[in-house]
C-alpha atoms as a PDB file:
ATOM      1  CA  MET A   1      16.980 -44.631-111.246  1.00  0.00           C
ATOM      2  CA  PRO A   2      15.651 -42.074-109.210  1.00  0.00           C
ATOM      3  CA  ALA A   3      17.683 -38.962-108.796  1.00  0.00           C
ATOM      4  CA  SER A   4      19.187 -39.040-105.307  1.00  0.00           C
ATOM      5  CA  ARG A   5      18.315 -36.281-102.923  1.00  0.00           C
ATOM      6  CA  SER A   6      21.063 -34.208-101.628  1.00  0.00           C
ATOM      7  CA  THR A   7      20.928 -31.205 -99.242  1.00  0.00           C
ATOM      8  CA  SER A   8      21.746 -27.969 -99.886  1.00  0.00           C
ATOM      9  CA  PRO A   9      24.158 -25.865 -97.933  1.00  0.00           C
ATOM     10  CA  ARG A  10      21.576 -23.008 -97.356  1.00  0.00           C
ATOM     11  CA  THR A  11      18.836 -25.517 -96.293  1.00  0.00           C
ATOM     12  CA  GLU A  12      21.331 -27.147 -93.544  1.00  0.00           C
ATOM     13  CA  ALA A  13      22.437 -23.517 -92.434  1.00  0.00           C
ATOM     14  CA  GLY A  14      18.696 -22.187 -92.228  1.00  0.00           C
ATOM     15  CA  ARG A  15      17.992 -25.824 -90.308  1.00  0.00           C
ATOM     16  CA  SER A  16      21.202 -24.976 -87.696  1.00  0.00           C
ATOM     17  CA  ALA A  17      20.155 -21.257 -87.279  1.00  0.00           C
ATOM     18  CA  ALA A  18      16.480 -21.757 -86.385  1.00  0.00           C
ATOM     19  CA  PRO A  19      17.498 -23.870 -82.870  1.00  0.00           C
ATOM     20  CA  ARG A  20      19.929 -20.965 -82.437  1.00  0.00           C
ATOM     21  CA  ARG A  21      16.762 -18.472 -82.921  1.00  0.00           C
ATOM     22  CA  ARG A  22      14.792 -20.085 -80.454  1.00  0.00           C
ATOM     23  CA  TYR A  23      17.349 -20.647 -77.983  1.00  0.00           C
ATOM     24  CA  GLY A  24      18.168 -16.824 -78.071  1.00  0.00           C
ATOM     25  CA  LEU A  25      14.448 -16.291 -77.550  1.00  0.00           C
ATOM     26  CA  ILE A  26      14.499 -18.265 -74.306  1.00  0.00           C
ATOM     27  CA  VAL A  27      17.200 -17.168 -73.114  1.00  0.00           C
ATOM     28  CA  THR A  28      16.080 -13.472 -73.631  1.00  0.00           C
ATOM     29  CA  ILE A  29      12.815 -14.154 -72.014  1.00  0.00           C
ATOM     30  CA  VAL A  30      14.398 -16.033 -68.910  1.00  0.00           C
ATOM     31  CA  VAL A  31      16.452 -13.137 -68.147  1.00  0.00           C
ATOM     32  CA  LEU A  32      13.589 -10.543 -68.615  1.00  0.00           C
ATOM     33  CA  VAL A  33      11.611 -13.141 -66.131  1.00  0.00           C
ATOM     34  CA  VAL A  34      14.678 -13.064 -63.515  1.00  0.00           C
ATOM     35  CA  LEU A  35      15.411  -9.322 -64.153  1.00  0.00           C
ATOM     36  CA  GLY A  36      11.696  -8.517 -63.397  1.00  0.00           C
ATOM     37  CA  PHE A  37      11.343 -10.827 -60.617  1.00  0.00           C
ATOM     38  CA  VAL A  38      14.405  -9.050 -59.000  1.00  0.00           C
ATOM     39  CA  ILE A  39      13.264  -5.419 -59.730  1.00  0.00           C
ATOM     40  CA  THR A  40       9.799  -6.321 -58.121  1.00  0.00           C
ATOM     41  CA  ALA A  41      11.603  -7.922 -55.190  1.00  0.00           C
ATOM     42  CA  LEU A  42      13.225  -4.659 -54.769  1.00  0.00           C
ATOM     43  CA  PRO A  43      11.770  -3.282 -51.074  1.00  0.00           C
ATOM     44  CA  ALA A  44      10.243   0.025 -50.817  1.00  0.00           C
ATOM     45  CA  SER A  45      12.716   1.106 -48.509  1.00  0.00           C
ATOM     46  CA  ILE A  46      15.295   1.708 -51.492  1.00  0.00           C
ATOM     47  CA  VAL A  47      13.607   4.867 -52.255  1.00  0.00           C
ATOM     48  CA  THR A  48      15.222   6.278 -49.466  1.00  0.00           C
ATOM     49  CA  HIS A  49      17.908   6.584 -51.588  1.00  0.00           C
ATOM     50  CA  PHE A  50      16.312   9.178 -54.297  1.00  0.00           C
ATOM     51  CA  LEU A  51      14.883  11.552 -51.837  1.00  0.00           C
ATOM     52  CA  PRO A  52      15.370  14.947 -52.067  1.00  0.00           C
ATOM     53  CA  LYS A  53      17.695  16.978 -49.313  1.00  0.00           C
ATOM     54  CA  GLY A  54      15.824  17.621 -46.015  1.00  0.00           C
ATOM     55  CA  VAL A  55      13.067  14.807 -47.122  1.00  0.00           C
ATOM     56  CA  GLU A  56      12.907  11.636 -45.172  1.00  0.00           C
ATOM     57  CA  ALA A  57      10.778   8.597 -45.061  1.00  0.00           C
ATOM     58  CA  GLN A  58      10.297   5.764 -42.276  1.00  0.00           C
ATOM     59  CA  ASP A  59       8.119   3.092 -41.424  1.00  0.00           C
ATOM     60  CA  LEU A  60       8.427   1.716 -45.251  1.00  0.00           C
ATOM     61  CA  SER A  61       6.615  -1.082 -46.514  1.00  0.00           C
ATOM     62  CA  GLY A  62       5.854  -2.969 -49.923  1.00  0.00           C
ATOM     63  CA  SER A  63       7.855  -3.202 -52.482  1.00  0.00           C
ATOM     64  CA  ILE A  64       9.416  -0.305 -55.192  1.00  0.00           C
ATOM     65  CA  TRP A  65       6.271  -0.627 -57.416  1.00  0.00           C
ATOM     66  CA  HIS A  66       3.725  -0.835 -54.688  1.00  0.00           C
ATOM     67  CA  GLY A  67       4.691   0.600 -51.284  1.00  0.00           C
ATOM     68  CA  ALA A  68       4.260   2.953 -48.613  1.00  0.00           C
ATOM     69  CA  ALA A  69       5.727   5.493 -46.216  1.00  0.00           C
ATOM     70  CA  GLY A  70       4.133   5.703 -43.280  1.00  0.00           C
ATOM     71  CA  ASN A  71       5.568   8.884 -41.613  1.00  0.00           C
ATOM     72  CA  VAL A  72       7.360  11.522 -43.966  1.00  0.00           C
ATOM     73  CA  ARG A  73       9.022  14.272 -42.774  1.00  0.00           C
ATOM     74  CA  THR A  74      10.051  17.923 -44.255  1.00  0.00           C
ATOM     75  CA  LEU A  75      12.580  19.520 -42.609  1.00  0.00           C
ATOM     76  CA  GLY A  76      11.945  17.847 -39.589  1.00  0.00           C
ATOM     77  CA  HIS A  77       8.058  18.243 -39.927  1.00  0.00           C
ATOM     78  CA  ASP A  78       5.619  15.694 -39.964  1.00  0.00           C
ATOM     79  CA  VAL A  79       3.572  15.671 -43.276  1.00  0.00           C
ATOM     80  CA  GLY A  80       1.872  12.409 -43.187  1.00  0.00           C
ATOM     81  CA  GLY A  81       2.133   9.479 -44.974  1.00  0.00           C
ATOM     82  CA  VAL A  82       2.299   8.353 -48.987  1.00  0.00           C
ATOM     83  CA  GLU A  83       1.180   5.032 -50.433  1.00  0.00           C
ATOM     84  CA  TRP A  84       2.599   4.412 -54.249  1.00  0.00           C
ATOM     85  CA  ARG A  85       1.857   2.271 -57.253  1.00  0.00           C
ATOM     86  CA  VAL A  86       4.052   2.784 -60.053  1.00  0.00           C
ATOM     87  CA  TYR A  87       2.962   1.402 -63.350  1.00  0.00           C
ATOM     88  CA  PRO A  88       6.221  -0.328 -65.332  1.00  0.00           C
ATOM     89  CA  LEU A  89       5.498   0.402 -68.921  1.00  0.00           C
ATOM     90  CA  PRO A  90       5.978   4.166 -68.991  1.00  0.00           C
ATOM     91  CA  LEU A  91       9.335   3.412 -67.928  1.00  0.00           C
ATOM     92  CA  LEU A  92      10.130   2.511 -71.586  1.00  0.00           C
ATOM     93  CA  ARG A  93       9.186   6.051 -72.647  1.00  0.00           C
ATOM     94  CA  LEU A  94      11.725   7.494 -70.118  1.00  0.00           C
ATOM     95  CA  GLN A  95       8.624   8.478 -67.812  1.00  0.00           C
ATOM     96  CA  LEU A  96       7.992   7.509 -64.649  1.00  0.00           C
ATOM     97  CA  LYS A  97       3.842   7.013 -64.391  1.00  0.00           C
ATOM     98  CA  ALA A  98       2.247   6.215 -60.523  1.00  0.00           C
ATOM     99  CA  ASP A  99      -0.627   6.460 -58.616  1.00  0.00           C
ATOM    100  CA  LEU A 100      -0.143   8.487 -55.468  1.00  0.00           C
ATOM    101  CA  GLU A 101      -2.113   8.781 -51.905  1.00  0.00           C
ATOM    102  CA  TRP A 102      -1.355  11.399 -49.264  1.00  0.00           C
ATOM    103  CA  ALA A 103      -2.751  11.243 -45.729  1.00  0.00           C
ATOM    104  CA  HIS A 104      -1.788  13.824 -42.437  1.00  0.00           C
ATOM    105  CA  ARG A 105      -4.347  13.660 -39.624  1.00  0.00           C
ATOM    106  CA  GLY A 106      -8.077  13.639 -41.212  1.00  0.00           C
ATOM    107  CA  VAL A 107      -6.668  15.339 -44.515  1.00  0.00           C
ATOM    108  CA  GLY A 108      -6.568  12.808 -47.424  1.00  0.00           C
ATOM    109  CA  LEU A 109      -5.491  13.363 -51.306  1.00  0.00           C
ATOM    110  CA  ALA A 110      -5.399  10.920 -53.914  1.00  0.00           C
ATOM    111  CA  ALA A 111      -3.903  11.761 -57.598  1.00  0.00           C
ATOM    112  CA  SER A 112      -2.205   9.986 -60.583  1.00  0.00           C
ATOM    113  CA  ALA A 113       1.189  11.748 -61.632  1.00  0.00           C
ATOM    114  CA  VAL A 114       3.376  11.774 -64.371  1.00  0.00           C
ATOM    115  CA  ILE A 115       7.122  12.540 -64.300  1.00  0.00           C
ATOM    116  CA  ASP A 116       9.324  13.269 -67.565  1.00  0.00           C
ATOM    117  CA  HIS A 117      12.052  15.331 -68.785  1.00  0.00           C
ATOM    118  CA  ALA A 118       9.373  18.500 -68.945  1.00  0.00           C
ATOM    119  CA  GLY A 119       8.562  18.040 -65.638  1.00  0.00           C
ATOM    120  CA  ILE A 120       5.222  16.894 -63.422  1.00  0.00           C
ATOM    121  CA  THR A 121       1.494  16.504 -64.676  1.00  0.00           C
ATOM    122  CA  ALA A 122      -0.790  15.364 -62.114  1.00  0.00           C
ATOM    123  CA  THR A 123      -4.465  14.627 -62.682  1.00  0.00           C
ATOM    124  CA  ASN A 124      -7.634  13.529 -61.104  1.00  0.00           C
ATOM    125  CA  VAL A 125      -6.353  15.065 -57.681  1.00  0.00           C
ATOM    126  CA  HIS A 126      -9.072  14.668 -55.351  1.00  0.00           C
ATOM    127  CA  GLY A 127     -10.271  14.637 -51.636  1.00  0.00           C
ATOM    128  CA  GLY A 128      -9.894  16.744 -48.580  1.00  0.00           C
ATOM    129  CA  GLY A 129     -11.028  17.062 -44.637  1.00  0.00           C
ATOM    130  CA  PRO A 130     -10.814  19.448 -42.090  1.00  0.00           C
ATOM    131  CA  ILE A 131      -8.375  22.189 -42.337  1.00  0.00           C
ATOM    132  CA  VAL A 132      -7.731  22.920 -38.743  1.00  0.00           C
ATOM    133  CA  ASP A 133      -5.610  19.401 -39.408  1.00  0.00           C
ATOM    134  CA  LEU A 134      -3.516  21.830 -41.711  1.00  0.00           C
ATOM    135  CA  THR A 135      -2.404  24.017 -39.441  1.00  0.00           C
ATOM    136  CA  ASP A 136       1.205  22.310 -38.741  1.00  0.00           C
ATOM    137  CA  LEU A 137       1.664  22.240 -42.272  1.00  0.00           C
ATOM    138  CA  GLY A 138       1.672  26.564 -42.629  1.00  0.00           C
ATOM    139  CA  PHE A 139      -2.269  26.868 -42.900  1.00  0.00           C
ATOM    140  CA  GLN A 140      -3.333  29.952 -40.778  1.00  0.00           C
ATOM    141  CA  SER A 141      -3.732  28.798 -36.484  1.00  0.00           C
ATOM    142  CA  GLY A 142      -7.633  28.900 -35.726  1.00  0.00           C
ATOM    143  CA  TRP A 143      -9.397  28.363 -38.639  1.00  0.00           C
ATOM    144  CA  ARG A 144     -12.045  25.795 -39.341  1.00  0.00           C
ATOM    145  CA  GLY A 145     -13.955  24.176 -41.907  1.00  0.00           C
ATOM    146  CA  ASN A 146     -13.524  21.468 -44.361  1.00  0.00           C
ATOM    147  CA  ALA A 147     -12.128  21.307 -47.793  1.00  0.00           C
ATOM    148  CA  ASP A 148     -12.845  19.455 -50.523  1.00  0.00           C
ATOM    149  CA  ILE A 149     -10.248  19.487 -53.603  1.00  0.00           C
ATOM    150  CA  ALA A 150     -10.971  18.203 -57.086  1.00  0.00           C
ATOM    151  CA  ILE A 151      -8.282  19.242 -59.387  1.00  0.00           C
ATOM    152  CA  ASP A 152      -8.598  17.913 -62.901  1.00  0.00           C
ATOM    153  CA  GLU A 153      -4.928  19.039 -63.693  1.00  0.00           C
ATOM    154  CA  LEU A 154      -1.762  20.186 -62.430  1.00  0.00           C
ATOM    155  CA  GLN A 155       1.348  20.983 -64.128  1.00  0.00           C
ATOM    156  CA  THR A 156       4.751  22.051 -63.345  1.00  0.00           C
ATOM    157  CA  ASP A 157       8.320  22.132 -64.789  1.00  0.00           C
ATOM    158  CA  LEU A 158       9.425  22.060 -61.006  1.00  0.00           C
ATOM    159  CA  THR A 159       9.844  26.016 -61.115  1.00  0.00           C
ATOM    160  CA  ARG A 160       6.478  27.328 -61.757  1.00  0.00           C
ATOM    161  CA  ILE A 161       3.174  25.834 -62.392  1.00  0.00           C
ATOM    162  CA  LEU A 162       2.269  26.073 -65.766  1.00  0.00           C
ATOM    163  CA  ALA A 163      -1.509  24.726 -65.796  1.00  0.00           C
ATOM    164  CA  LEU A 164      -4.276  24.395 -63.431  1.00  0.00           C
ATOM    165  CA  ARG A 165      -7.930  23.244 -63.745  1.00  0.00           C
ATOM    166  CA  GLY A 166     -10.243  21.915 -61.110  1.00  0.00           C
ATOM    167  CA  GLN A 167     -11.627  23.694 -57.697  1.00  0.00           C
ATOM    168  CA  VAL A 168     -11.574  23.896 -54.113  1.00  0.00           C
ATOM    169  CA  LYS A 169     -14.901  24.236 -52.013  1.00  0.00           C
ATOM    170  CA  LEU A 170     -14.434  25.168 -48.507  1.00  0.00           C
ATOM    171  CA  ALA A 171     -17.675  24.635 -46.115  1.00  0.00           C
ATOM    172  CA  ASP A 172     -18.613  25.983 -42.565  1.00  0.00           C
ATOM    173  CA  LEU A 173     -15.712  28.560 -42.972  1.00  0.00           C
ATOM    174  CA  ALA A 174     -14.899  30.573 -39.715  1.00  0.00           C
ATOM    175  CA  GLY A 175     -11.799  32.588 -38.585  1.00  0.00           C
ATOM    176  CA  PRO A 176     -10.862  33.613 -34.846  1.00  0.00           C
ATOM    177  CA  THR A 177     -10.701  37.372 -35.668  1.00  0.00           C
ATOM    178  CA  ILE A 178     -13.660  37.751 -37.812  1.00  0.00           C
ATOM    179  CA  ALA A 179     -17.141  38.094 -36.278  1.00  0.00           C
ATOM    180  CA  GLY A 180     -16.143  36.450 -33.092  1.00  0.00           C
ATOM    181  CA  GLY A 181     -15.448  32.990 -34.524  1.00  0.00           C
ATOM    182  CA  ALA A 182     -18.896  32.998 -36.165  1.00  0.00           C
ATOM    183  CA  ASP A 183     -19.779  30.365 -39.002  1.00  0.00           C
ATOM    184  CA  LEU A 184     -18.892  32.674 -42.531  1.00  0.00           C
ATOM    185  CA  GLY A 185     -20.482  30.232 -44.719  1.00  0.00           C
ATOM    186  CA  SER A 186     -19.102  27.919 -47.890  1.00  0.00           C
ATOM    187  CA  TYR A 187     -17.300  28.984 -50.897  1.00  0.00           C
ATOM    188  CA  VAL A 188     -15.762  27.686 -54.324  1.00  0.00           C
ATOM    189  CA  LEU A 189     -12.564  28.652 -55.609  1.00  0.00           C
ATOM    190  CA  GLN A 190     -12.515  27.585 -59.663  1.00  0.00           C
ATOM    191  CA  TRP A 191      -9.381  27.451 -61.904  1.00  0.00           C
ATOM    192  CA  GLY A 192      -9.885  27.335 -65.779  1.00  0.00           C
ATOM    193  CA  SER A 193      -7.671  27.036 -68.755  1.00  0.00           C
ATOM    194  CA  HIS A 194      -6.489  30.078 -68.496  1.00  0.00           C
ATOM    195  CA  SER A 195      -5.655  30.676 -64.762  1.00  0.00           C
ATOM    196  CA  VAL A 196      -2.039  30.849 -64.820  1.00  0.00           C
ATOM    197  CA  ASP A 197      -0.131  33.800 -66.726  1.00  0.00           C
ATOM    198  CA  PRO A 198       3.646  33.221 -68.465  1.00  0.00           C
ATOM    199  CA  ASN A 199       5.014  34.074 -64.935  1.00  0.00           C
ATOM    200  CA  GLY A 200       3.580  30.856 -63.129  1.00  0.00           C
ATOM    201  CA  VAL A 201       0.834  33.259 -61.061  1.00  0.00           C
ATOM    202  CA  LEU A 202      -2.060  31.868 -60.383  1.00  0.00           C
ATOM    203  CA  THR A 203      -5.777  33.532 -60.506  1.00  0.00           C
ATOM    204  CA  GLY A 204      -8.975  31.643 -59.895  1.00  0.00           C
ATOM    205  CA  GLU A 205     -12.468  32.495 -59.207  1.00  0.00           C
ATOM    206  CA  LEU A 206     -13.718  33.031 -56.069  1.00  0.00           C
ATOM    207  CA  LYS A 207     -17.491  33.054 -55.051  1.00  0.00           C
ATOM    208  CA  ASP A 208     -19.965  32.052 -52.292  1.00  0.00           C
ATOM    209  CA  ALA A 209     -22.301  28.430 -51.951  1.00  0.00           C
ATOM    210  CA  GLY A 210     -24.331  29.762 -49.337  1.00  0.00           C
ATOM    211  CA  GLY A 211     -23.604  31.214 -45.476  1.00  0.00           C
ATOM    212  CA  PRO A 212     -24.349  34.861 -44.687  1.00  0.00           C
ATOM    213  CA  LEU A 213     -21.917  36.621 -47.332  1.00  0.00           C
ATOM    214  CA  GLN A 214     -22.638  37.155 -50.782  1.00  0.00           C
ATOM    215  CA  VAL A 215     -19.193  37.059 -52.048  1.00  0.00           C
ATOM    216  CA  GLN A 216     -17.616  37.453 -55.705  1.00  0.00           C
ATOM    217  CA  GLY A 217     -14.213  37.703 -56.721  1.00  0.00           C
ATOM    218  CA  THR A 218     -10.679  36.264 -57.646  1.00  0.00           C
ATOM    219  CA  LEU A 219      -7.908  35.063 -55.821  1.00  0.00           C
ATOM    220  CA  THR A 220      -4.440  35.682 -56.744  1.00  0.00           C
ATOM    221  CA  LEU A 221      -1.467  33.638 -55.894  1.00  0.00           C
ATOM    222  CA  THR A 222       2.214  35.017 -56.621  1.00  0.00           C
ATOM    223  CA  LEU A 223       3.944  31.477 -55.573  1.00  0.00           C
ATOM    224  CA  GLN A 224       7.348  32.666 -55.807  1.00  0.00           C
ATOM    225  CA  GLN A 225       6.899  35.624 -53.451  1.00  0.00           C
ATOM    226  CA  HIS A 226       4.461  33.559 -51.171  1.00  0.00           C
ATOM    227  CA  THR A 227       1.800  36.392 -51.236  1.00  0.00           C
ATOM    228  CA  GLY A 228      -1.773  36.400 -52.106  1.00  0.00           C
ATOM    229  CA  LEU A 229      -5.011  38.783 -53.023  1.00  0.00           C
ATOM    230  CA  VAL A 230      -8.522  38.428 -52.124  1.00  0.00           C
ATOM    231  CA  SER A 231     -10.148  40.881 -54.825  1.00  0.00           C
ATOM    232  CA  GLY A 232     -13.750  41.447 -55.250  1.00  0.00           C
ATOM    233  CA  THR A 233     -17.192  42.638 -53.266  1.00  0.00           C
ATOM    234  CA  ILE A 234     -18.946  41.610 -50.360  1.00  0.00           C
ATOM    235  CA  LEU A 235     -22.297  41.735 -49.107  1.00  0.00           C
ATOM    236  CA  GLU A 236     -24.315  40.826 -46.256  1.00  0.00           C
ATOM    237  CA  ARG A 237     -27.162  38.538 -46.234  1.00  0.00           C
ATOM    238  CA  PRO A 238     -30.501  39.291 -44.276  1.00  0.00           C
ATOM    239  CA  ASP A 239     -29.648  36.400 -41.550  1.00  0.00           C
ATOM    240  CA  ALA A 240     -25.894  36.921 -41.274  1.00  0.00           C
ATOM    241  CA  PRO A 241     -24.870  37.273 -37.509  1.00  0.00           C
ATOM    242  CA  ALA A 242     -24.489  40.735 -35.588  1.00  0.00           C
ATOM    243  CA  ASP A 243     -20.903  40.371 -35.236  1.00  0.00           C
ATOM    244  CA  LEU A 244     -20.382  39.945 -38.938  1.00  0.00           C
ATOM    245  CA  ARG A 245     -22.669  42.733 -39.391  1.00  0.00           C
ATOM    246  CA  LYS A 246     -20.889  45.156 -37.338  1.00  0.00           C
ATOM    247  CA  ASP A 247     -17.403  44.358 -38.731  1.00  0.00           C
ATOM    248  CA  LEU A 248     -18.954  44.834 -42.307  1.00  0.00           C
ATOM    249  CA  GLU A 249     -20.101  48.284 -40.895  1.00  0.00           C
ATOM    250  CA  ASN A 250     -16.718  49.508 -39.731  1.00  0.00           C
ATOM    251  CA  LEU A 251     -15.193  47.779 -42.915  1.00  0.00           C
ATOM    252  CA  ALA A 252     -18.090  50.227 -45.132  1.00  0.00           C
ATOM    253  CA  GLN A 253     -16.888  53.216 -43.257  1.00  0.00           C
ATOM    254  CA  MET A 254     -13.577  52.713 -45.033  1.00  0.00           C
ATOM    255  CA  ARG A 255     -14.118  51.514 -48.116  1.00  0.00           C
ATOM    256  CA  GLY A 256     -17.731  52.579 -48.909  1.00  0.00           C
ATOM    257  CA  ARG A 257     -20.257  50.825 -50.841  1.00  0.00           C
ATOM    258  CA  ASP A 258     -21.317  50.680 -54.406  1.00  0.00           C
ATOM    259  CA  PRO A 259     -24.829  51.535 -55.664  1.00  0.00           C
ATOM    260  CA  SER A 260     -25.987  48.126 -55.331  1.00  0.00           C
ATOM    261  CA  GLY A 261     -25.024  47.805 -51.431  1.00  0.00           C
ATOM    262  CA  ARG A 262     -21.285  45.658 -51.935  1.00  0.00           C
ATOM    263  CA  ILE A 263     -18.412  46.424 -50.496  1.00  0.00           C
ATOM    264  CA  PRO A 264     -15.103  46.366 -52.164  1.00  0.00           C
ATOM    265  CA  VAL A 265     -12.121  44.383 -50.821  1.00  0.00           C
ATOM    266  CA  ASP A 266      -8.389  44.176 -51.275  1.00  0.00           C
ATOM    267  CA  LEU A 267      -7.187  42.021 -48.670  1.00  0.00           C
ATOM    268  CA  GLU A 268      -3.286  40.804 -49.200  1.00  0.00           C
ATOM    269  CA  PHE A 269      -2.134  38.036 -47.498  1.00  0.00           C
ATOM    270  CA  SER A 270       1.294  36.117 -46.997  1.00  0.00           C
ATOM    271  CA  PHE A 271       1.863  32.122 -46.909  1.00  0.00           C
END
């Protein structure tokens, strides 16, 4: 007679455990889907609970993952509107990664940012617009021109800047107290890999990009003290307007000229 088949206790346990594992996996997937749906459905207005003191966001639309604030105010001042798109996976690494767009009047900027325990790192910061639209944000009144911003990396620990690489171009620049408001030309401010010292002081290379002035120098910004220093030399070109030549001659009488005819300048300012 053939031997009777018997099921071992281990086999029976394995068969009963498999459905339980499948059931547990299904429950986990369902919970994650529901949780993801709930989080995705959270409105953009929830961000108002996480804003720092003195910052208000109005005209909110969209969700917490992809939303916008049409009106952001800081200490009562309108600073424009913001749109954001948050990436969920970096949250598992305790990082907040987002694409950001900011607009104020005719000026706009876009960037990617990562926020973690070390601070904030922004990359591919690009945009620009007329600088006259920045007057109510602290830019000196009366200046005209257009800014083009292309920052590869900006890193801060929320107390000081740690790294800055990129450039800012200013075109058709004109100031109310220089040469009767005449066009001063275009300029490029470049920050390289060694532009930030251990104290967070920024030093960039400043040069002209065409116009009535030849400019070679540096711009140093001390953010903690809100002061800056433009240091270098300037020389008028043959087609410089008469009012600008007059201003430079007055400056040359005080500062002198080097053997090549360039005038040394050291201009301090606050912001």
